[in-house]
């Protein structure tokens, strides 16, 4: 049994609100990563797939909520969103998407050297240096936001019914 008592959700500090200057710096870094991705030719739909896959791995409900809506706005399909967690076992993602998703997973689990090497090898086959850099920066950014939301316990409330 742990000596640390669980803190009720209503007592959590929303660290983005508590330290807005640090959060604004994170927002600027994420925007820079999106700009790098756009300049490298990675479309916003692919960026949202990366955001979602990283958030799935990290178990960040809030980021999953935000980025699922963003992916749908960008034209992502229900089929692809539904099978994203098992992307390796489908034929619905392109080689470029697979390479970016592999880099996203390797960035999220940096201690797994074999995963990193395998993902990087695949990425080298289909992505340019600029695309590899952009995919990694986007993955780093969403990993950081996942931690902010998970530790703050940002809520996901039910959508209003019509």
C-alpha atoms as a PDB file:
ATOM      1  CA  UNK A   1       0.000   0.000   0.000  1.00  0.00           C
ATOM      2  CA  UNK A   2       1.270   3.447  -0.893  1.00  0.00           C
ATOM      3  CA  UNK A   3       1.964   6.153   1.671  1.00  0.00           C
ATOM      4  CA  UNK A   4       0.706   8.759  -0.791  1.00  0.00           C
ATOM      5  CA  UNK A   5      -2.994   9.504  -0.448  1.00  0.00           C
ATOM      6  CA  UNK A   6      -4.969  10.092  -3.626  1.00  0.00           C
ATOM      7  CA  UNK A   7      -5.868  13.728  -4.157  1.00  0.00           C
ATOM      8  CA  UNK A   8      -9.498  14.235  -5.153  1.00  0.00           C
ATOM      9  CA  UNK A   9      -9.937  15.581  -8.683  1.00  0.00           C
ATOM     10  CA  UNK A  10     -11.507  18.802  -7.404  1.00  0.00           C
ATOM     11  CA  UNK A  11      -8.264  19.465  -5.493  1.00  0.00           C
ATOM     12  CA  UNK A  12      -5.973  19.055  -8.524  1.00  0.00           C
ATOM     13  CA  UNK A  13      -4.020  22.055  -9.689  1.00  0.00           C
ATOM     14  CA  UNK A  14      -4.554  22.855 -13.344  1.00  0.00           C
ATOM     15  CA  UNK A  15      -0.876  23.577 -13.923  1.00  0.00           C
ATOM     16  CA  UNK A  16      -1.605  25.357 -17.215  1.00  0.00           C
ATOM     17  CA  UNK A  17      -3.736  27.871 -15.305  1.00  0.00           C
ATOM     18  CA  UNK A  18      -1.434  28.030 -12.280  1.00  0.00           C
ATOM     19  CA  UNK A  19       1.662  28.779 -14.379  1.00  0.00           C
ATOM     20  CA  UNK A  20       0.384  30.486 -17.529  1.00  0.00           C
ATOM     21  CA  UNK A  21       3.818  31.710 -18.611  1.00  0.00           C
ATOM     22  CA  UNK A  22       5.126  28.146 -18.836  1.00  0.00           C
ATOM     23  CA  UNK A  23       1.961  26.999 -20.615  1.00  0.00           C
ATOM     24  CA  UNK A  24       2.229  29.842 -23.146  1.00  0.00           C
ATOM     25  CA  UNK A  25       5.787  28.718 -23.878  1.00  0.00           C
ATOM     26  CA  UNK A  26       4.481  25.173 -24.495  1.00  0.00           C
ATOM     27  CA  UNK A  27       1.790  26.551 -26.804  1.00  0.00           C
ATOM     28  CA  UNK A  28       4.433  28.481 -28.757  1.00  0.00           C
ATOM     29  CA  UNK A  29       6.580  25.342 -29.057  1.00  0.00           C
ATOM     30  CA  UNK A  30       3.593  23.313 -30.286  1.00  0.00           C
ATOM     31  CA  UNK A  31       2.745  26.002 -32.836  1.00  0.00           C
ATOM     32  CA  UNK A  32       6.363  25.997 -34.041  1.00  0.00           C
ATOM     33  CA  UNK A  33       6.196  22.194 -34.401  1.00  0.00           C
ATOM     34  CA  UNK A  34       2.984  22.512 -36.471  1.00  0.00           C
ATOM     35  CA  UNK A  35       4.659  25.151 -38.660  1.00  0.00           C
ATOM     36  CA  UNK A  36       7.705  22.906 -39.163  1.00  0.00           C
ATOM     37  CA  UNK A  37       5.370  20.046 -40.069  1.00  0.00           C
ATOM     38  CA  UNK A  38       3.444  22.157 -42.577  1.00  0.00           C
ATOM     39  CA  UNK A  39       6.683  23.441 -44.137  1.00  0.00           C
ATOM     40  CA  UNK A  40       7.919  19.843 -44.418  1.00  0.00           C
ATOM     41  CA  UNK A  41       4.730  18.847 -46.226  1.00  0.00           C
ATOM     42  CA  UNK A  42       3.046  16.868 -43.443  1.00  0.00           C
ATOM     43  CA  UNK A  43      -0.656  17.650 -43.634  1.00  0.00           C
ATOM     44  CA  UNK A  44      -2.746  18.496 -40.615  1.00  0.00           C
ATOM     45  CA  UNK A  45      -4.668  15.224 -40.805  1.00  0.00           C
ATOM     46  CA  UNK A  46      -1.425  13.265 -40.358  1.00  0.00           C
ATOM     47  CA  UNK A  47      -0.397  15.536 -37.491  1.00  0.00           C
ATOM     48  CA  UNK A  48      -3.706  14.781 -35.773  1.00  0.00           C
ATOM     49  CA  UNK A  49      -3.121  11.036 -36.237  1.00  0.00           C
ATOM     50  CA  UNK A  50       0.249  11.449 -34.508  1.00  0.00           C
ATOM     51  CA  UNK A  51      -1.383  13.478 -31.725  1.00  0.00           C
ATOM     52  CA  UNK A  52      -4.017  10.802 -31.264  1.00  0.00           C
ATOM     53  CA  UNK A  53      -1.632   7.850 -31.302  1.00  0.00           C
ATOM     54  CA  UNK A  54       0.641   9.426 -28.706  1.00  0.00           C
ATOM     55  CA  UNK A  55      -2.384  10.317 -26.565  1.00  0.00           C
ATOM     56  CA  UNK A  56      -3.660   6.731 -26.836  1.00  0.00           C
ATOM     57  CA  UNK A  57      -0.335   5.378 -25.617  1.00  0.00           C
ATOM     58  CA  UNK A  58      -0.198   7.869 -22.746  1.00  0.00           C
ATOM     59  CA  UNK A  59      -3.866   7.408 -21.831  1.00  0.00           C
ATOM     60  CA  UNK A  60      -4.695  11.111 -22.010  1.00  0.00           C
ATOM     61  CA  UNK A  61      -8.483  11.354 -22.212  1.00  0.00           C
ATOM     62  CA  UNK A  62      -8.506  15.136 -22.608  1.00  0.00           C
ATOM     63  CA  UNK A  63      -6.047  15.160 -25.524  1.00  0.00           C
ATOM     64  CA  UNK A  64      -7.878  12.242 -27.144  1.00  0.00           C
ATOM     65  CA  UNK A  65     -11.084  14.276 -26.922  1.00  0.00           C
ATOM     66  CA  UNK A  66      -9.500  17.425 -28.383  1.00  0.00           C
ATOM     67  CA  UNK A  67      -7.560  15.728 -31.168  1.00  0.00           C
ATOM     68  CA  UNK A  68     -10.345  13.367 -32.236  1.00  0.00           C
ATOM     69  CA  UNK A  69     -12.503  16.412 -32.890  1.00  0.00           C
ATOM     70  CA  UNK A  70      -9.620  18.107 -34.723  1.00  0.00           C
ATOM     71  CA  UNK A  71      -8.990  15.011 -36.873  1.00  0.00           C
ATOM     72  CA  UNK A  72     -12.668  14.842 -37.824  1.00  0.00           C
ATOM     73  CA  UNK A  73     -12.590  18.548 -38.760  1.00  0.00           C
ATOM     74  CA  UNK A  74      -9.612  17.760 -41.008  1.00  0.00           C
ATOM     75  CA  UNK A  75     -11.600  15.027 -42.772  1.00  0.00           C
ATOM     76  CA  UNK A  76     -10.362  11.938 -40.940  1.00  0.00           C
ATOM     77  CA  UNK A  77     -12.685   8.944 -41.215  1.00  0.00           C
ATOM     78  CA  UNK A  78     -14.348   6.946 -38.470  1.00  0.00           C
ATOM     79  CA  UNK A  79     -12.756   3.762 -39.838  1.00  0.00           C
ATOM     80  CA  UNK A  80      -9.213   5.091 -39.569  1.00  0.00           C
ATOM     81  CA  UNK A  81      -9.820   6.628 -36.148  1.00  0.00           C
ATOM     82  CA  UNK A  82     -11.328   3.362 -34.956  1.00  0.00           C
ATOM     83  CA  UNK A  83      -8.324   1.257 -35.960  1.00  0.00           C
ATOM     84  CA  UNK A  84      -5.574   3.741 -35.143  1.00  0.00           C
ATOM     85  CA  UNK A  85      -4.468   1.845 -32.024  1.00  0.00           C
ATOM     86  CA  UNK A  86      -3.832  -1.186 -34.256  1.00  0.00           C
ATOM     87  CA  UNK A  87      -2.457   0.701 -37.273  1.00  0.00           C
ATOM     88  CA  UNK A  88       0.178  -1.963 -38.002  1.00  0.00           C
ATOM     89  CA  UNK A  89      -2.552  -4.564 -38.540  1.00  0.00           C
ATOM     90  CA  UNK A  90      -4.506  -2.621 -41.154  1.00  0.00           C
ATOM     91  CA  UNK A  91      -4.114  -1.519 -44.745  1.00  0.00           C
ATOM     92  CA  UNK A  92      -5.783   1.873 -44.279  1.00  0.00           C
ATOM     93  CA  UNK A  93      -2.651   3.946 -43.578  1.00  0.00           C
ATOM     94  CA  UNK A  94      -0.098   4.992 -46.188  1.00  0.00           C
ATOM     95  CA  UNK A  95       3.610   4.257 -45.896  1.00  0.00           C
ATOM     96  CA  UNK A  96       4.233   7.907 -44.915  1.00  0.00           C
ATOM     97  CA  UNK A  97       1.555   7.723 -42.217  1.00  0.00           C
ATOM     98  CA  UNK A  98       2.979   4.442 -40.931  1.00  0.00           C
ATOM     99  CA  UNK A  99       6.452   5.969 -40.756  1.00  0.00           C
ATOM    100  CA  UNK A 100       5.171   8.999 -38.824  1.00  0.00           C
ATOM    101  CA  UNK A 101       3.145   6.803 -36.456  1.00  0.00           C
ATOM    102  CA  UNK A 102       6.178   4.612 -35.826  1.00  0.00           C
ATOM    103  CA  UNK A 103       8.283   7.678 -35.005  1.00  0.00           C
ATOM    104  CA  UNK A 104       5.512   8.933 -32.714  1.00  0.00           C
ATOM    105  CA  UNK A 105       5.543   5.653 -30.793  1.00  0.00           C
ATOM    106  CA  UNK A 106       9.358   5.636 -30.605  1.00  0.00           C
ATOM    107  CA  UNK A 107       9.337   9.216 -29.303  1.00  0.00           C
ATOM    108  CA  UNK A 108       6.748   8.270 -26.680  1.00  0.00           C
ATOM    109  CA  UNK A 109       8.743   5.238 -25.474  1.00  0.00           C
ATOM    110  CA  UNK A 110      12.327   6.512 -25.738  1.00  0.00           C
ATOM    111  CA  UNK A 111      13.756   3.773 -23.513  1.00  0.00           C
ATOM    112  CA  UNK A 112      12.872   1.136 -26.115  1.00  0.00           C
ATOM    113  CA  UNK A 113      15.999   1.319 -28.293  1.00  0.00           C
ATOM    114  CA  UNK A 114      14.856  -1.485 -30.605  1.00  0.00           C
ATOM    115  CA  UNK A 115      11.571   0.309 -31.282  1.00  0.00           C
ATOM    116  CA  UNK A 116      13.465   3.526 -31.993  1.00  0.00           C
ATOM    117  CA  UNK A 117      15.864   1.881 -34.428  1.00  0.00           C
ATOM    118  CA  UNK A 118      13.088   0.034 -36.255  1.00  0.00           C
ATOM    119  CA  UNK A 119      10.902   3.138 -36.508  1.00  0.00           C
ATOM    120  CA  UNK A 120      13.787   5.282 -37.670  1.00  0.00           C
ATOM    121  CA  UNK A 121      14.745   2.720 -40.294  1.00  0.00           C
ATOM    122  CA  UNK A 122      11.223   2.699 -41.723  1.00  0.00           C
ATOM    123  CA  UNK A 123      11.052   6.494 -41.603  1.00  0.00           C
ATOM    124  CA  UNK A 124      14.356   6.819 -43.511  1.00  0.00           C
ATOM    125  CA  UNK A 125      12.825   4.795 -46.339  1.00  0.00           C
ATOM    126  CA  UNK A 126       9.831   7.089 -46.943  1.00  0.00           C
ATOM    127  CA  UNK A 127      10.289  10.420 -45.145  1.00  0.00           C
ATOM    128  CA  UNK A 128      12.670  13.283 -45.837  1.00  0.00           C
ATOM    129  CA  UNK A 129      14.941  14.677 -43.136  1.00  0.00           C
ATOM    130  CA  UNK A 130      12.495  17.575 -42.735  1.00  0.00           C
ATOM    131  CA  UNK A 131       9.532  15.223 -42.367  1.00  0.00           C
ATOM    132  CA  UNK A 132      11.339  13.063 -39.807  1.00  0.00           C
ATOM    133  CA  UNK A 133      12.261  16.123 -37.776  1.00  0.00           C
ATOM    134  CA  UNK A 134       8.716  17.487 -37.968  1.00  0.00           C
ATOM    135  CA  UNK A 135       7.110  14.180 -36.927  1.00  0.00           C
ATOM    136  CA  UNK A 136       9.425  13.907 -33.936  1.00  0.00           C
ATOM    137  CA  UNK A 137       8.809  17.530 -32.869  1.00  0.00           C
ATOM    138  CA  UNK A 138       5.031  17.077 -33.105  1.00  0.00           C
ATOM    139  CA  UNK A 139       5.355  13.883 -31.035  1.00  0.00           C
ATOM    140  CA  UNK A 140       7.442  15.665 -28.405  1.00  0.00           C
ATOM    141  CA  UNK A 141       4.882  18.480 -28.198  1.00  0.00           C
ATOM    142  CA  UNK A 142       1.855  16.217 -27.712  1.00  0.00           C
ATOM    143  CA  UNK A 143       3.738  14.119 -25.162  1.00  0.00           C
ATOM    144  CA  UNK A 144       4.296  17.296 -23.143  1.00  0.00           C
ATOM    145  CA  UNK A 145       0.641  18.327 -23.407  1.00  0.00           C
ATOM    146  CA  UNK A 146      -0.437  14.809 -22.405  1.00  0.00           C
ATOM    147  CA  UNK A 147       1.509  15.179 -19.176  1.00  0.00           C
ATOM    148  CA  UNK A 148      -0.027  18.586 -18.460  1.00  0.00           C
ATOM    149  CA  UNK A 149      -3.552  17.244 -18.946  1.00  0.00           C
ATOM    150  CA  UNK A 150      -3.014  13.913 -17.193  1.00  0.00           C
ATOM    151  CA  UNK A 151      -1.426  15.441 -14.101  1.00  0.00           C
ATOM    152  CA  UNK A 152      -3.967  18.273 -14.003  1.00  0.00           C
ATOM    153  CA  UNK A 153      -6.802  15.790 -14.615  1.00  0.00           C
ATOM    154  CA  UNK A 154      -8.400  18.025 -17.216  1.00  0.00           C
ATOM    155  CA  UNK A 155     -11.993  16.814 -17.424  1.00  0.00           C
ATOM    156  CA  UNK A 156     -13.785  15.451 -20.455  1.00  0.00           C
ATOM    157  CA  UNK A 157     -17.454  16.085 -20.004  1.00  0.00           C
ATOM    158  CA  UNK A 158     -20.263  14.444 -21.975  1.00  0.00           C
ATOM    159  CA  UNK A 159     -21.229  16.254 -25.150  1.00  0.00           C
ATOM    160  CA  UNK A 160     -24.633  17.876 -25.063  1.00  0.00           C
ATOM    161  CA  UNK A 161     -27.354  15.692 -26.564  1.00  0.00           C
ATOM    162  CA  UNK A 162     -29.513  17.040 -29.322  1.00  0.00           C
END
